[in-house]
């Protein structure tokens, strides 16, 4: 965790003044992959718990802590997407990556 924190701190300091930084995002598709794409398959309960603890340590612990210290005026979003495109209930909350046309072979008009 100390290595992750040091790397994050260095990178935040390096690019925090770039005019395009409007939001810091913790990860891209890691949580949704873990929840919905079978990444847990074949893992023991101990391994699953270890991965989830590491995820939480990084994306809900270290990264928001560093950002609050190094760039407190910019919002931190833990993961993107934060909602599944397959669930109507979650589409109106958070953000989604709509994979319907690409992954589910829906017609282009769905965009």
PDB file of N, CA and C in Angstrom:
ATOM      1  N   UNK A   1       0.819  -1.191   0.000  1.00  0.00           N
ATOM      2  CA  UNK A   1       0.000   0.000   0.000  1.00  0.00           C
ATOM      3  C   UNK A   1       0.867   1.261   0.000  1.00  0.00           C
ATOM      4  N   UNK A   2       1.990   1.198   0.666  1.00  0.00           N
ATOM      5  CA  UNK A   2       2.887   2.360   0.685  1.00  0.00           C
ATOM      6  C   UNK A   2       3.393   2.677  -0.718  1.00  0.00           C
ATOM      7  N   UNK A   3       3.688   1.653  -1.504  1.00  0.00           N
ATOM      8  CA  UNK A   3       4.139   1.850  -2.882  1.00  0.00           C
ATOM      9  C   UNK A   3       3.021   2.463  -3.733  1.00  0.00           C
ATOM     10  N   UNK A   4       1.811   1.975  -3.570  1.00  0.00           N
ATOM     11  CA  UNK A   4       0.665   2.521  -4.313  1.00  0.00           C
ATOM     12  C   UNK A   4       0.445   3.976  -3.927  1.00  0.00           C
ATOM     13  N   UNK A   5       0.516   4.257  -2.639  1.00  0.00           N
ATOM     14  CA  UNK A   5       0.333   5.633  -2.189  1.00  0.00           C
ATOM     15  C   UNK A   5       1.410   6.556  -2.759  1.00  0.00           C
ATOM     16  N   UNK A   6       2.645   6.131  -2.739  1.00  0.00           N
ATOM     17  CA  UNK A   6       3.737   6.954  -3.274  1.00  0.00           C
ATOM     18  C   UNK A   6       3.557   7.198  -4.765  1.00  0.00           C
ATOM     19  N   UNK A   7       3.187   6.170  -5.510  1.00  0.00           N
ATOM     20  CA  UNK A   7       2.978   6.330  -6.949  1.00  0.00           C
ATOM     21  C   UNK A   7       1.804   7.261  -7.236  1.00  0.00           C
ATOM     22  N   UNK A   8       0.722   7.098  -6.496  1.00  0.00           N
ATOM     23  CA  UNK A   8      -0.431   7.973  -6.679  1.00  0.00           C
ATOM     24  C   UNK A   8      -0.076   9.421  -6.353  1.00  0.00           C
ATOM     25  N   UNK A   9       0.614   9.616  -5.260  1.00  0.00           N
ATOM     26  CA  UNK A   9       0.996  10.977  -4.854  1.00  0.00           C
ATOM     27  C   UNK A   9       1.872  11.637  -5.928  1.00  0.00           C
ATOM     28  N   UNK A  10       2.846  10.904  -6.442  1.00  0.00           N
ATOM     29  CA  UNK A  10       3.713  11.434  -7.500  1.00  0.00           C
ATOM     30  C   UNK A  10       2.908  11.814  -8.738  1.00  0.00           C
ATOM     31  N   UNK A  11       1.988  10.959  -9.134  1.00  0.00           N
ATOM     32  CA  UNK A  11       1.215  11.233 -10.345  1.00  0.00           C
ATOM     33  C   UNK A  11       0.207  12.353 -10.162  1.00  0.00           C
ATOM     34  N   UNK A  12      -0.406  12.428  -9.004  1.00  0.00           N
ATOM     35  CA  UNK A  12      -1.331  13.536  -8.743  1.00  0.00           C
ATOM     36  C   UNK A  12      -0.575  14.863  -8.783  1.00  0.00           C
ATOM     37  N   UNK A  13       0.555  14.919  -8.134  1.00  0.00           N
ATOM     38  CA  UNK A  13       1.355  16.155  -8.149  1.00  0.00           C
ATOM     39  C   UNK A  13       1.790  16.511  -9.567  1.00  0.00           C
ATOM     40  N   UNK A  14       2.111  15.491 -10.356  1.00  0.00           N
ATOM     41  CA  UNK A  14       2.603  15.717 -11.718  1.00  0.00           C
ATOM     42  C   UNK A  14       1.521  16.296 -12.633  1.00  0.00           C
ATOM     43  N   UNK A  15       0.284  15.838 -12.508  1.00  0.00           N
ATOM     44  CA  UNK A  15      -0.735  16.268 -13.485  1.00  0.00           C
ATOM     45  C   UNK A  15      -1.896  17.061 -12.888  1.00  0.00           C
ATOM     46  N   UNK A  16      -1.893  17.344 -11.609  1.00  0.00           N
ATOM     47  CA  UNK A  16      -3.057  17.995 -10.980  1.00  0.00           C
ATOM     48  C   UNK A  16      -3.382  19.375 -11.536  1.00  0.00           C
ATOM     49  N   UNK A  17      -2.420  20.050 -12.119  1.00  0.00           N
ATOM     50  CA  UNK A  17      -2.692  21.388 -12.655  1.00  0.00           C
ATOM     51  C   UNK A  17      -3.079  21.387 -14.127  1.00  0.00           C
ATOM     52  N   UNK A  18      -3.223  20.211 -14.700  1.00  0.00           N
ATOM     53  CA  UNK A  18      -3.637  20.129 -16.102  1.00  0.00           C
ATOM     54  C   UNK A  18      -5.085  20.597 -16.214  1.00  0.00           C
ATOM     55  N   UNK A  19      -5.392  21.444 -17.192  1.00  0.00           N
ATOM     56  CA  UNK A  19      -6.736  22.017 -17.277  1.00  0.00           C
ATOM     57  C   UNK A  19      -7.849  21.006 -17.553  1.00  0.00           C
ATOM     58  N   UNK A  20      -7.516  19.806 -18.008  1.00  0.00           N
ATOM     59  CA  UNK A  20      -8.579  18.842 -18.306  1.00  0.00           C
ATOM     60  C   UNK A  20      -8.957  17.970 -17.114  1.00  0.00           C
ATOM     61  N   UNK A  21      -8.320  18.138 -15.973  1.00  0.00           N
ATOM     62  CA  UNK A  21      -8.668  17.337 -14.795  1.00  0.00           C
ATOM     63  C   UNK A  21      -9.916  17.935 -14.161  1.00  0.00           C
ATOM     64  N   UNK A  22     -11.036  17.298 -14.406  1.00  0.00           N
ATOM     65  CA  UNK A  22     -12.302  17.731 -13.820  1.00  0.00           C
ATOM     66  C   UNK A  22     -12.830  16.736 -12.808  1.00  0.00           C
ATOM     67  N   UNK A  23     -12.246  15.540 -12.826  1.00  0.00           N
ATOM     68  CA  UNK A  23     -12.685  14.460 -11.962  1.00  0.00           C
ATOM     69  C   UNK A  23     -11.576  13.421 -11.906  1.00  0.00           C
ATOM     70  N   UNK A  24     -11.322  12.892 -10.739  1.00  0.00           N
ATOM     71  CA  UNK A  24     -10.396  11.770 -10.606  1.00  0.00           C
ATOM     72  C   UNK A  24     -11.217  10.503 -10.513  1.00  0.00           C
ATOM     73  N   UNK A  25     -10.858   9.513 -11.324  1.00  0.00           N
ATOM     74  CA  UNK A  25     -11.568   8.241 -11.315  1.00  0.00           C
ATOM     75  C   UNK A  25     -10.635   7.151 -10.808  1.00  0.00           C
ATOM     76  N   UNK A  26     -11.099   6.384  -9.831  1.00  0.00           N
ATOM     77  CA  UNK A  26     -10.269   5.354  -9.218  1.00  0.00           C
ATOM     78  C   UNK A  26      -9.902   4.215 -10.140  1.00  0.00           C
ATOM     79  N   UNK A  27     -10.819   3.770 -10.947  1.00  0.00           N
ATOM     80  CA  UNK A  27     -10.521   2.649 -11.837  1.00  0.00           C
ATOM     81  C   UNK A  27     -11.534   2.599 -12.961  1.00  0.00           C
ATOM     82  N   UNK A  28     -11.190   1.858 -13.970  1.00  0.00           N
ATOM     83  CA  UNK A  28     -12.055   1.698 -15.132  1.00  0.00           C
ATOM     84  C   UNK A  28     -12.482   0.245 -15.238  1.00  0.00           C
ATOM     85  N   UNK A  29     -13.719  -0.008 -14.887  1.00  0.00           N
ATOM     86  CA  UNK A  29     -14.370  -1.305 -15.063  1.00  0.00           C
ATOM     87  C   UNK A  29     -13.856  -2.402 -14.132  1.00  0.00           C
ATOM     88  N   UNK A  30     -13.077  -2.067 -13.131  1.00  0.00           N
ATOM     89  CA  UNK A  30     -12.588  -3.095 -12.216  1.00  0.00           C
ATOM     90  C   UNK A  30     -13.734  -3.653 -11.369  1.00  0.00           C
ATOM     91  N   UNK A  31     -14.518  -2.773 -10.753  1.00  0.00           N
ATOM     92  CA  UNK A  31     -15.579  -3.250  -9.871  1.00  0.00           C
ATOM     93  C   UNK A  31     -16.665  -3.997 -10.645  1.00  0.00           C
ATOM     94  N   UNK A  32     -17.080  -3.478 -11.774  1.00  0.00           N
ATOM     95  CA  UNK A  32     -18.121  -4.150 -12.559  1.00  0.00           C
ATOM     96  C   UNK A  32     -17.595  -5.487 -13.087  1.00  0.00           C
ATOM     97  N   UNK A  33     -16.328  -5.539 -13.435  1.00  0.00           N
ATOM     98  CA  UNK A  33     -15.726  -6.799 -13.859  1.00  0.00           C
ATOM     99  C   UNK A  33     -15.731  -7.821 -12.746  1.00  0.00           C
ATOM    100  N   UNK A  34     -15.434  -7.365 -11.554  1.00  0.00           N
ATOM    101  CA  UNK A  34     -15.418  -8.245 -10.397  1.00  0.00           C
ATOM    102  C   UNK A  34     -16.836  -8.754 -10.081  1.00  0.00           C
ATOM    103  N   UNK A  35     -17.810  -7.862 -10.197  1.00  0.00           N
ATOM    104  CA  UNK A  35     -19.181  -8.216  -9.846  1.00  0.00           C
ATOM    105  C   UNK A  35     -19.907  -9.030 -10.914  1.00  0.00           C
ATOM    106  N   UNK A  36     -19.610  -8.778 -12.198  1.00  0.00           N
ATOM    107  CA  UNK A  36     -20.472  -9.324 -13.251  1.00  0.00           C
ATOM    108  C   UNK A  36     -19.780 -10.143 -14.332  1.00  0.00           C
ATOM    109  N   UNK A  37     -18.471 -10.143 -14.415  1.00  0.00           N
ATOM    110  CA  UNK A  37     -17.817 -10.763 -15.563  1.00  0.00           C
ATOM    111  C   UNK A  37     -17.126 -12.086 -15.254  1.00  0.00           C
ATOM    112  N   UNK A  38     -17.397 -12.658 -14.108  1.00  0.00           N
ATOM    113  CA  UNK A  38     -16.845 -13.964 -13.791  1.00  0.00           C
ATOM    114  C   UNK A  38     -15.422 -13.956 -13.278  1.00  0.00           C
ATOM    115  N   UNK A  39     -14.917 -12.813 -12.879  1.00  0.00           N
ATOM    116  CA  UNK A  39     -13.543 -12.758 -12.381  1.00  0.00           C
ATOM    117  C   UNK A  39     -13.363 -13.543 -11.092  1.00  0.00           C
ATOM    118  N   UNK A  40     -14.467 -13.800 -10.371  1.00  0.00           N
ATOM    119  CA  UNK A  40     -14.396 -14.544  -9.113  1.00  0.00           C
ATOM    120  C   UNK A  40     -14.374 -16.058  -9.344  1.00  0.00           C
ATOM    121  N   UNK A  41     -14.765 -16.471 -10.529  1.00  0.00           N
ATOM    122  CA  UNK A  41     -14.874 -17.903 -10.806  1.00  0.00           C
ATOM    123  C   UNK A  41     -13.563 -18.614 -10.515  1.00  0.00           C
ATOM    124  N   UNK A  42     -13.669 -19.715  -9.802  1.00  0.00           N
ATOM    125  CA  UNK A  42     -12.491 -20.523  -9.509  1.00  0.00           C
ATOM    126  C   UNK A  42     -11.695 -20.062  -8.307  1.00  0.00           C
ATOM    127  N   UNK A  43     -12.082 -18.960  -7.699  1.00  0.00           N
ATOM    128  CA  UNK A  43     -11.360 -18.477  -6.520  1.00  0.00           C
ATOM    129  C   UNK A  43     -12.026 -18.997  -5.252  1.00  0.00           C
ATOM    130  N   UNK A  44     -11.222 -19.254  -4.256  1.00  0.00           N
ATOM    131  CA  UNK A  44     -11.764 -19.665  -2.959  1.00  0.00           C
ATOM    132  C   UNK A  44     -12.358 -18.439  -2.250  1.00  0.00           C
ATOM    133  N   UNK A  45     -13.127 -18.679  -1.214  1.00  0.00           N
ATOM    134  CA  UNK A  45     -13.679 -17.575  -0.429  1.00  0.00           C
ATOM    135  C   UNK A  45     -12.567 -16.718   0.170  1.00  0.00           C
ATOM    136  N   UNK A  46     -11.496 -17.349   0.595  1.00  0.00           N
ATOM    137  CA  UNK A  46     -10.354 -16.614   1.151  1.00  0.00           C
ATOM    138  C   UNK A  46      -9.766 -15.687   0.093  1.00  0.00           C
ATOM    139  N   UNK A  47      -9.579 -16.187  -1.123  1.00  0.00           N
ATOM    140  CA  UNK A  47      -9.033 -15.363  -2.212  1.00  0.00           C
ATOM    141  C   UNK A  47      -9.983 -14.225  -2.566  1.00  0.00           C
ATOM    142  N   UNK A  48     -11.276 -14.511  -2.636  1.00  0.00           N
ATOM    143  CA  UNK A  48     -12.260 -13.459  -2.936  1.00  0.00           C
ATOM    144  C   UNK A  48     -12.213 -12.368  -1.881  1.00  0.00           C
ATOM    145  N   UNK A  49     -12.168 -12.759  -0.625  1.00  0.00           N
ATOM    146  CA  UNK A  49     -12.094 -11.772   0.457  1.00  0.00           C
ATOM    147  C   UNK A  49     -10.819 -10.947   0.379  1.00  0.00           C
ATOM    148  N   UNK A  50      -9.725 -11.592   0.013  1.00  0.00           N
ATOM    149  CA  UNK A  50      -8.446 -10.881  -0.109  1.00  0.00           C
ATOM    150  C   UNK A  50      -8.503  -9.855  -1.240  1.00  0.00           C
ATOM    151  N   UNK A  51      -9.051 -10.235  -2.386  1.00  0.00           N
ATOM    152  CA  UNK A  51      -9.163  -9.309  -3.516  1.00  0.00           C
ATOM    153  C   UNK A  51     -10.063  -8.131  -3.144  1.00  0.00           C
ATOM    154  N   UNK A  52     -11.198  -8.409  -2.528  1.00  0.00           N
ATOM    155  CA  UNK A  52     -12.111  -7.325  -2.150  1.00  0.00           C
ATOM    156  C   UNK A  52     -11.486  -6.400  -1.116  1.00  0.00           C
ATOM    157  N   UNK A  53     -10.728  -6.954  -0.182  1.00  0.00           N
ATOM    158  CA  UNK A  53     -10.030  -6.107   0.795  1.00  0.00           C
ATOM    159  C   UNK A  53      -9.003  -5.217   0.101  1.00  0.00           C
ATOM    160  N   UNK A  54      -8.244  -5.791  -0.818  1.00  0.00           N
ATOM    161  CA  UNK A  54      -7.252  -4.994  -1.547  1.00  0.00           C
ATOM    162  C   UNK A  54      -7.937  -3.907  -2.372  1.00  0.00           C
ATOM    163  N   UNK A  55      -9.035  -4.248  -3.044  1.00  0.00           N
ATOM    164  CA  UNK A  55      -9.797  -3.257  -3.802  1.00  0.00           C
ATOM    165  C   UNK A  55     -10.198  -2.105  -2.891  1.00  0.00           C
ATOM    166  N   UNK A  56     -10.798  -2.434  -1.757  1.00  0.00           N
ATOM    167  CA  UNK A  56     -11.246  -1.396  -0.835  1.00  0.00           C
ATOM    168  C   UNK A  56     -10.086  -0.593  -0.264  1.00  0.00           C
ATOM    169  N   UNK A  57      -9.001  -1.276   0.071  1.00  0.00           N
ATOM    170  CA  UNK A  57      -7.831  -0.556   0.585  1.00  0.00           C
ATOM    171  C   UNK A  57      -7.329   0.479  -0.415  1.00  0.00           C
ATOM    172  N   UNK A  58      -7.328   0.118  -1.693  1.00  0.00           N
ATOM    173  CA  UNK A  58      -6.818   1.020  -2.728  1.00  0.00           C
ATOM    174  C   UNK A  58      -7.841   2.088  -3.095  1.00  0.00           C
ATOM    175  N   UNK A  59      -9.035   1.669  -3.528  1.00  0.00           N
ATOM    176  CA  UNK A  59      -9.974   2.596  -4.158  1.00  0.00           C
ATOM    177  C   UNK A  59     -10.903   3.334  -3.201  1.00  0.00           C
ATOM    178  N   UNK A  60     -11.038   2.852  -1.969  1.00  0.00           N
ATOM    179  CA  UNK A  60     -11.830   3.605  -0.991  1.00  0.00           C
ATOM    180  C   UNK A  60     -10.971   4.092   0.165  1.00  0.00           C
ATOM    181  N   UNK A  61      -9.681   3.721   0.150  1.00  0.00           N
ATOM    182  CA  UNK A  61      -8.760   4.135   1.208  1.00  0.00           C
ATOM    183  C   UNK A  61      -7.651   5.027   0.706  1.00  0.00           C
ATOM    184  N   UNK A  62      -6.647   4.411   0.105  1.00  0.00           N
ATOM    185  CA  UNK A  62      -5.433   5.134  -0.281  1.00  0.00           C
ATOM    186  C   UNK A  62      -5.708   6.246  -1.292  1.00  0.00           C
ATOM    187  N   UNK A  63      -6.376   5.938  -2.383  1.00  0.00           N
ATOM    188  CA  UNK A  63      -6.544   6.952  -3.438  1.00  0.00           C
ATOM    189  C   UNK A  63      -7.345   8.164  -2.980  1.00  0.00           C
ATOM    190  N   UNK A  64      -8.504   7.996  -2.352  1.00  0.00           N
ATOM    191  CA  UNK A  64      -9.200   9.207  -1.902  1.00  0.00           C
ATOM    192  C   UNK A  64      -8.431   9.986  -0.835  1.00  0.00           C
ATOM    193  N   UNK A  65      -7.658   9.281  -0.009  1.00  0.00           N
ATOM    194  CA  UNK A  65      -6.835   9.970   1.002  1.00  0.00           C
ATOM    195  C   UNK A  65      -5.794  10.857   0.326  1.00  0.00           C
ATOM    196  N   UNK A  66      -5.076  10.289  -0.640  1.00  0.00           N
ATOM    197  CA  UNK A  66      -4.053  11.059  -1.347  1.00  0.00           C
ATOM    198  C   UNK A  66      -4.690  12.248  -2.065  1.00  0.00           C
ATOM    199  N   UNK A  67      -5.791  12.017  -2.742  1.00  0.00           N
ATOM    200  CA  UNK A  67      -6.436  13.100  -3.485  1.00  0.00           C
ATOM    201  C   UNK A  67      -6.936  14.201  -2.549  1.00  0.00           C
ATOM    202  N   UNK A  68      -7.457  13.827  -1.394  1.00  0.00           N
ATOM    203  CA  UNK A  68      -7.934  14.853  -0.458  1.00  0.00           C
ATOM    204  C   UNK A  68      -6.788  15.713   0.052  1.00  0.00           C
ATOM    205  N   UNK A  69      -5.587  15.152   0.079  1.00  0.00           N
ATOM    206  CA  UNK A  69      -4.416  15.899   0.536  1.00  0.00           C
ATOM    207  C   UNK A  69      -3.733  16.677  -0.587  1.00  0.00           C
ATOM    208  N   UNK A  70      -3.686  16.098  -1.776  1.00  0.00           N
ATOM    209  CA  UNK A  70      -2.911  16.679  -2.877  1.00  0.00           C
ATOM    210  C   UNK A  70      -3.736  17.504  -3.859  1.00  0.00           C
ATOM    211  N   UNK A  71      -5.031  17.234  -3.956  1.00  0.00           N
ATOM    212  CA  UNK A  71      -5.882  17.934  -4.927  1.00  0.00           C
ATOM    213  C   UNK A  71      -7.323  17.950  -4.420  1.00  0.00           C
ATOM    214  N   UNK A  72      -7.549  18.604  -3.295  1.00  0.00           N
ATOM    215  CA  UNK A  72      -8.845  18.500  -2.609  1.00  0.00           C
ATOM    216  C   UNK A  72     -10.019  19.166  -3.319  1.00  0.00           C
ATOM    217  N   UNK A  73      -9.762  20.017  -4.289  1.00  0.00           N
ATOM    218  CA  UNK A  73     -10.850  20.739  -4.945  1.00  0.00           C
ATOM    219  C   UNK A  73     -11.486  19.985  -6.106  1.00  0.00           C
ATOM    220  N   UNK A  74     -10.998  18.790  -6.400  1.00  0.00           N
ATOM    221  CA  UNK A  74     -11.535  18.014  -7.518  1.00  0.00           C
ATOM    222  C   UNK A  74     -12.168  16.740  -6.970  1.00  0.00           C
ATOM    223  N   UNK A  75     -13.342  16.411  -7.483  1.00  0.00           N
ATOM    224  CA  UNK A  75     -14.119  15.267  -7.005  1.00  0.00           C
ATOM    225  C   UNK A  75     -13.457  13.941  -7.363  1.00  0.00           C
ATOM    226  N   UNK A  76     -13.606  12.967  -6.486  1.00  0.00           N
ATOM    227  CA  UNK A  76     -13.106  11.604  -6.714  1.00  0.00           C
ATOM    228  C   UNK A  76     -14.289  10.658  -6.889  1.00  0.00           C
ATOM    229  N   UNK A  77     -14.272   9.893  -7.967  1.00  0.00           N
ATOM    230  CA  UNK A  77     -15.294   8.894  -8.270  1.00  0.00           C
ATOM    231  C   UNK A  77     -14.608   7.540  -8.192  1.00  0.00           C
ATOM    232  N   UNK A  78     -15.074   6.672  -7.313  1.00  0.00           N
ATOM    233  CA  UNK A  78     -14.377   5.413  -7.016  1.00  0.00           C
ATOM    234  C   UNK A  78     -14.201   4.503  -8.224  1.00  0.00           C
ATOM    235  N   UNK A  79     -15.228   4.362  -9.025  1.00  0.00           N
ATOM    236  CA  UNK A  79     -15.164   3.436 -10.150  1.00  0.00           C
ATOM    237  C   UNK A  79     -16.109   3.860 -11.260  1.00  0.00           C
ATOM    238  N   UNK A  80     -15.732   3.545 -12.452  1.00  0.00           N
ATOM    239  CA  UNK A  80     -16.597   3.788 -13.591  1.00  0.00           C
ATOM    240  C   UNK A  80     -16.561   2.540 -14.467  1.00  0.00           C
ATOM    241  N   UNK A  81     -17.691   1.955 -14.734  1.00  0.00           N
ATOM    242  CA  UNK A  81     -19.022   2.396 -14.359  1.00  0.00           C
ATOM    243  C   UNK A  81     -19.345   2.076 -12.901  1.00  0.00           C
ATOM    244  N   UNK A  82     -20.290   2.834 -12.375  1.00  0.00           N
ATOM    245  CA  UNK A  82     -20.765   2.560 -11.023  1.00  0.00           C
ATOM    246  C   UNK A  82     -22.107   1.844 -11.061  1.00  0.00           C
ATOM    247  N   UNK A  83     -22.616   1.621 -12.265  1.00  0.00           N
ATOM    248  CA  UNK A  83     -23.901   0.957 -12.437  1.00  0.00           C
ATOM    249  C   UNK A  83     -23.822   0.018 -13.632  1.00  0.00           C
ATOM    250  N   UNK A  84     -24.648  -0.997 -13.598  1.00  0.00           N
ATOM    251  CA  UNK A  84     -24.680  -1.982 -14.679  1.00  0.00           C
ATOM    252  C   UNK A  84     -25.666  -1.550 -15.754  1.00  0.00           C
ATOM    253  N   UNK A  85     -25.266  -1.622 -17.009  1.00  0.00           N
ATOM    254  CA  UNK A  85     -26.178  -1.237 -18.084  1.00  0.00           C
ATOM    255  C   UNK A  85     -27.338  -2.210 -18.207  1.00  0.00           C
ATOM    256  N   UNK A  86     -27.224  -3.390 -17.611  1.00  0.00           N
ATOM    257  CA  UNK A  86     -28.282  -4.384 -17.722  1.00  0.00           C
ATOM    258  C   UNK A  86     -29.378  -4.198 -16.683  1.00  0.00           C
ATOM    259  N   UNK A  87     -29.218  -3.270 -15.758  1.00  0.00           N
ATOM    260  CA  UNK A  87     -30.208  -3.064 -14.710  1.00  0.00           C
ATOM    261  C   UNK A  87     -30.848  -1.689 -14.843  1.00  0.00           C
ATOM    262  N   UNK A  88     -32.126  -1.677 -15.129  1.00  0.00           N
ATOM    263  CA  UNK A  88     -32.849  -0.416 -15.294  1.00  0.00           C
ATOM    264  C   UNK A  88     -32.788   0.412 -14.014  1.00  0.00           C
ATOM    265  N   UNK A  89     -32.816  -0.230 -12.848  1.00  0.00           N
ATOM    266  CA  UNK A  89     -32.787   0.493 -11.578  1.00  0.00           C
ATOM    267  C   UNK A  89     -31.510   1.308 -11.418  1.00  0.00           C
ATOM    268  N   UNK A  90     -30.386   0.795 -11.900  1.00  0.00           N
ATOM    269  CA  UNK A  90     -29.117   1.481 -11.674  1.00  0.00           C
ATOM    270  C   UNK A  90     -28.764   2.473 -12.771  1.00  0.00           C
ATOM    271  N   UNK A  91     -29.448   2.447 -13.881  1.00  0.00           N
ATOM    272  CA  UNK A  91     -29.122   3.356 -14.991  1.00  0.00           C
ATOM    273  C   UNK A  91     -29.303   4.817 -14.587  1.00  0.00           C
ATOM    274  N   UNK A  92     -30.236   5.089 -13.678  1.00  0.00           N
ATOM    275  CA  UNK A  92     -30.485   6.476 -13.283  1.00  0.00           C
ATOM    276  C   UNK A  92     -29.621   6.919 -12.111  1.00  0.00           C
ATOM    277  N   UNK A  93     -28.674   6.102 -11.702  1.00  0.00           N
ATOM    278  CA  UNK A  93     -27.830   6.428 -10.567  1.00  0.00           C
ATOM    279  C   UNK A  93     -26.374   6.164 -10.922  1.00  0.00           C
ATOM    280  N   UNK A  94     -25.524   7.151 -10.752  1.00  0.00           N
ATOM    281  CA  UNK A  94     -24.112   6.965 -11.055  1.00  0.00           C
ATOM    282  C   UNK A  94     -23.839   7.094 -12.543  1.00  0.00           C
ATOM    283  N   UNK A  95     -22.935   6.290 -13.039  1.00  0.00           N
ATOM    284  CA  UNK A  95     -22.617   6.336 -14.460  1.00  0.00           C
ATOM    285  C   UNK A  95     -22.548   4.909 -14.992  1.00  0.00           C
ATOM    286  N   UNK A  96     -22.721   4.776 -16.291  1.00  0.00           N
ATOM    287  CA  UNK A  96     -22.658   3.462 -16.915  1.00  0.00           C
ATOM    288  C   UNK A  96     -21.766   3.528 -18.141  1.00  0.00           C
ATOM    289  N   UNK A  97     -21.293   2.378 -18.556  1.00  0.00           N
ATOM    290  CA  UNK A  97     -20.664   2.216 -19.856  1.00  0.00           C
ATOM    291  C   UNK A  97     -21.648   1.370 -20.641  1.00  0.00           C
ATOM    292  N   UNK A  98     -22.279   1.961 -21.608  1.00  0.00           N
ATOM    293  CA  UNK A  98     -23.303   1.228 -22.343  1.00  0.00           C
ATOM    294  C   UNK A  98     -22.643   0.306 -23.355  1.00  0.00           C
ATOM    295  N   UNK A  99     -22.706  -0.985 -23.083  1.00  0.00           N
ATOM    296  CA  UNK A  99     -22.108  -1.994 -23.943  1.00  0.00           C
ATOM    297  C   UNK A  99     -23.133  -2.693 -24.831  1.00  0.00           C
ATOM    298  N   UNK A 100     -24.374  -2.225 -24.801  1.00  0.00           N
ATOM    299  CA  UNK A 100     -25.441  -2.925 -25.515  1.00  0.00           C
ATOM    300  C   UNK A 100     -25.191  -3.080 -26.994  1.00  0.00           C
ATOM    301  N   UNK A 101     -24.728  -2.034 -27.651  1.00  0.00           N
ATOM    302  CA  UNK A 101     -24.510  -2.109 -29.096  1.00  0.00           C
ATOM    303  C   UNK A 101     -23.274  -2.954 -29.396  1.00  0.00           C
ATOM    304  N   UNK A 102     -22.238  -2.768 -28.624  1.00  0.00           N
ATOM    305  CA  UNK A 102     -20.996  -3.498 -28.874  1.00  0.00           C
ATOM    306  C   UNK A 102     -21.087  -4.952 -28.392  1.00  0.00           C
ATOM    307  N   UNK A 103     -21.296  -5.140 -27.101  1.00  0.00           N
ATOM    308  CA  UNK A 103     -21.227  -6.484 -26.519  1.00  0.00           C
ATOM    309  C   UNK A 103     -22.488  -7.299 -26.717  1.00  0.00           C
ATOM    310  N   UNK A 104     -23.627  -6.658 -26.670  1.00  0.00           N
ATOM    311  CA  UNK A 104     -24.891  -7.383 -26.751  1.00  0.00           C
ATOM    312  C   UNK A 104     -25.492  -7.378 -28.152  1.00  0.00           C
ATOM    313  N   UNK A 105     -24.774  -6.808 -29.111  1.00  0.00           N
ATOM    314  CA  UNK A 105     -25.192  -6.791 -30.524  1.00  0.00           C
ATOM    315  C   UNK A 105     -26.536  -6.109 -30.746  1.00  0.00           C
ATOM    316  N   UNK A 106     -26.844  -5.102 -29.902  1.00  0.00           N
ATOM    317  CA  UNK A 106     -28.064  -4.329 -30.096  1.00  0.00           C
ATOM    318  C   UNK A 106     -27.872  -3.422 -31.320  1.00  0.00           C
ATOM    319  N   UNK A 107     -28.957  -2.977 -31.934  1.00  0.00           N
ATOM    320  CA  UNK A 107     -28.837  -2.107 -33.104  1.00  0.00           C
ATOM    321  C   UNK A 107     -28.250  -0.744 -32.734  1.00  0.00           C
ATOM    322  N   UNK A 108     -27.559  -0.136 -33.656  1.00  0.00           N
ATOM    323  CA  UNK A 108     -26.889   1.153 -33.440  1.00  0.00           C
ATOM    324  C   UNK A 108     -27.876   2.223 -32.997  1.00  0.00           C
ATOM    325  N   UNK A 109     -29.112   2.096 -33.357  1.00  0.00           N
ATOM    326  CA  UNK A 109     -30.151   3.064 -32.959  1.00  0.00           C
ATOM    327  C   UNK A 109     -30.326   3.139 -31.436  1.00  0.00           C
ATOM    328  N   UNK A 110     -29.889   2.101 -30.750  1.00  0.00           N
ATOM    329  CA  UNK A 110     -30.012   2.119 -29.284  1.00  0.00           C
ATOM    330  C   UNK A 110     -29.156   3.198 -28.633  1.00  0.00           C
ATOM    331  N   UNK A 111     -28.108   3.641 -29.326  1.00  0.00           N
ATOM    332  CA  UNK A 111     -27.318   4.733 -28.778  1.00  0.00           C
ATOM    333  C   UNK A 111     -28.144   5.984 -28.706  1.00  0.00           C
TER     334      UNK A 111
END
